[in-house]
Amino acid sequence: MAQLYQVKRGEERISKEVAVLLAGHVDTPGVEETMTENVSANGARVKTTRQWTPKEQLLIGSSSVRVMSLARVVYCQALKGGSFAIGVEFLEPTGKWVVNPPVSVGESLRK
């Protein structure tokens, strides 16, 4: 019987929609304009119209938060309506994807 192990991220992602550009798809050249669903300093989950292959490399960037990175696709999940969600790991990030995680009201009042 196979054992299942749950892997915990080293860093929590926060829900944050950021407009991004994706480039580098092998079968579909060009740039795709899309949105993240969540981000961390080390990666993001991104909505896409293209099906990506795990380990495929791409460029991801956003002018709204002034960041860019070479990234690696970790997974590609099919969504309803023919779209996909990809998990990407930033390999060479420039800038900060996440400024500060949200804090509770009680925490902010204690400071």
Protein backbone atom coordinates (compact mmCIF):
# COMPACT_ATOMS: atom_id res chain seq x y z
CA MET A 1 0.00 0.00 0.00
CA ALA A 2 1.45 3.35 -1.04
CA GLN A 3 1.99 5.99 1.62
CA LEU A 4 1.02 9.58 0.99
CA TYR A 5 3.15 12.39 2.36
CA GLN A 6 2.02 15.96 2.69
CA VAL A 7 4.67 18.52 1.84
CA LYS A 8 4.38 21.87 3.61
CA ARG A 9 5.61 24.98 1.83
CA GLY A 10 8.55 26.75 3.42
CA GLU A 11 6.65 29.98 2.97
CA GLU A 12 2.92 30.68 2.83
CA ARG A 13 1.41 32.22 -0.28
CA ILE A 14 -1.03 35.09 0.00
CA SER A 15 -4.10 35.60 -2.17
CA LYS A 16 -3.11 38.42 -4.47
CA GLU A 17 -4.20 39.18 -8.01
CA VAL A 18 -1.34 40.70 -9.96
CA ALA A 19 -1.47 41.37 -13.71
CA VAL A 20 1.40 39.45 -15.31
CA LEU A 21 2.88 38.62 -18.69
CA LEU A 22 3.98 35.06 -19.51
CA ALA A 23 6.42 34.30 -22.32
CA GLY A 24 8.33 31.26 -23.49
CA HIS A 25 5.67 28.65 -24.31
CA VAL A 26 7.19 26.08 -26.68
CA ASP A 27 4.11 25.48 -28.85
CA THR A 28 2.45 28.91 -28.67
CA PRO A 29 4.91 31.77 -29.21
CA GLY A 30 4.09 35.25 -28.00
CA VAL A 31 3.17 36.87 -24.73
CA GLU A 32 0.07 36.04 -22.69
CA GLU A 33 -1.52 38.67 -20.44
CA THR A 34 -3.06 37.06 -17.35
CA MET A 35 -3.42 37.21 -13.54
CA THR A 36 -1.95 35.49 -10.52
CA GLU A 37 -4.25 33.88 -7.98
CA ASN A 38 -1.70 33.90 -5.17
CA VAL A 39 1.97 34.75 -4.71
CA SER A 40 4.93 34.31 -2.39
CA ALA A 41 8.51 35.49 -2.61
CA ASN A 42 9.40 32.17 -4.27
CA GLY A 43 6.48 31.39 -6.57
CA ALA A 44 2.92 31.94 -7.71
CA ARG A 45 -0.23 30.28 -8.99
CA VAL A 46 -1.17 31.80 -12.34
CA LYS A 47 -4.26 31.49 -14.54
CA THR A 48 -3.42 30.74 -18.19
CA THR A 49 -5.08 29.80 -21.48
CA ARG A 50 -2.11 27.62 -22.43
CA GLN A 51 -1.29 24.11 -21.25
CA TRP A 52 2.25 24.07 -19.80
CA THR A 53 4.48 21.10 -19.03
CA PRO A 54 6.07 20.64 -15.60
CA LYS A 55 9.76 21.70 -15.59
CA GLU A 56 9.15 23.99 -18.59
CA GLN A 57 10.83 27.38 -18.16
CA LEU A 58 9.19 30.72 -18.85
CA LEU A 59 9.55 34.41 -18.20
CA ILE A 60 7.00 36.00 -15.89
CA GLY A 61 6.83 39.70 -15.23
CA SER A 62 4.58 42.47 -14.01
CA SER A 63 4.90 46.17 -14.60
CA SER A 64 2.40 46.92 -11.80
CA VAL A 65 4.74 45.61 -9.10
CA ARG A 66 7.94 46.09 -11.15
CA VAL A 67 9.17 42.50 -11.05
CA MET A 68 10.40 39.91 -13.51
CA SER A 69 11.72 36.38 -13.17
CA LEU A 70 12.82 33.32 -15.02
CA ALA A 71 10.50 30.63 -13.64
CA ARG A 72 9.91 26.88 -13.75
CA VAL A 73 6.48 25.27 -14.07
CA VAL A 74 5.85 23.02 -11.07
CA TYR A 75 2.37 21.84 -12.08
CA CYS A 76 -0.36 22.54 -14.63
CA GLN A 77 -3.96 21.98 -13.52
CA ALA A 78 -6.86 21.90 -15.99
CA LEU A 79 -9.74 24.21 -15.00
CA LYS A 80 -13.33 24.44 -16.20
CA GLY A 81 -13.82 26.21 -19.52
CA GLY A 82 -10.57 25.02 -21.10
CA SER A 83 -8.22 27.19 -19.06
CA PHE A 84 -5.40 26.15 -16.74
CA ALA A 85 -3.70 27.12 -13.50
CA ILE A 86 0.06 26.74 -13.26
CA GLY A 87 2.25 26.76 -10.21
CA VAL A 88 5.56 28.47 -10.94
CA GLU A 89 8.78 28.64 -8.96
CA PHE A 90 10.78 31.84 -9.43
CA LEU A 91 14.36 30.96 -10.42
CA GLU A 92 15.89 34.42 -10.81
CA PRO A 93 13.50 36.97 -9.28
CA THR A 94 14.15 40.69 -9.60
CA GLY A 95 12.14 42.95 -7.31
CA LYS A 96 9.72 41.83 -4.62
CA TRP A 97 6.58 39.89 -5.52
CA VAL A 98 5.29 40.10 -1.94
CA VAL A 99 5.82 43.22 0.11
CA ASN A 100 4.30 42.22 3.46
CA PRO A 101 1.82 39.50 4.33
CA PRO A 102 -1.47 40.76 5.74
CA VAL A 103 -1.67 41.07 9.52
CA SER A 104 -4.70 40.87 11.73
CA VAL A 105 -6.17 44.05 13.18
CA GLY A 106 -5.21 42.94 16.70
CA GLU A 107 -1.57 42.47 15.68
CA SER A 108 -1.34 45.87 14.03
CA LEU A 109 -2.75 47.60 17.14
CA ARG A 110 -0.18 45.98 19.43
CA LYS A 111 2.74 47.41 17.47
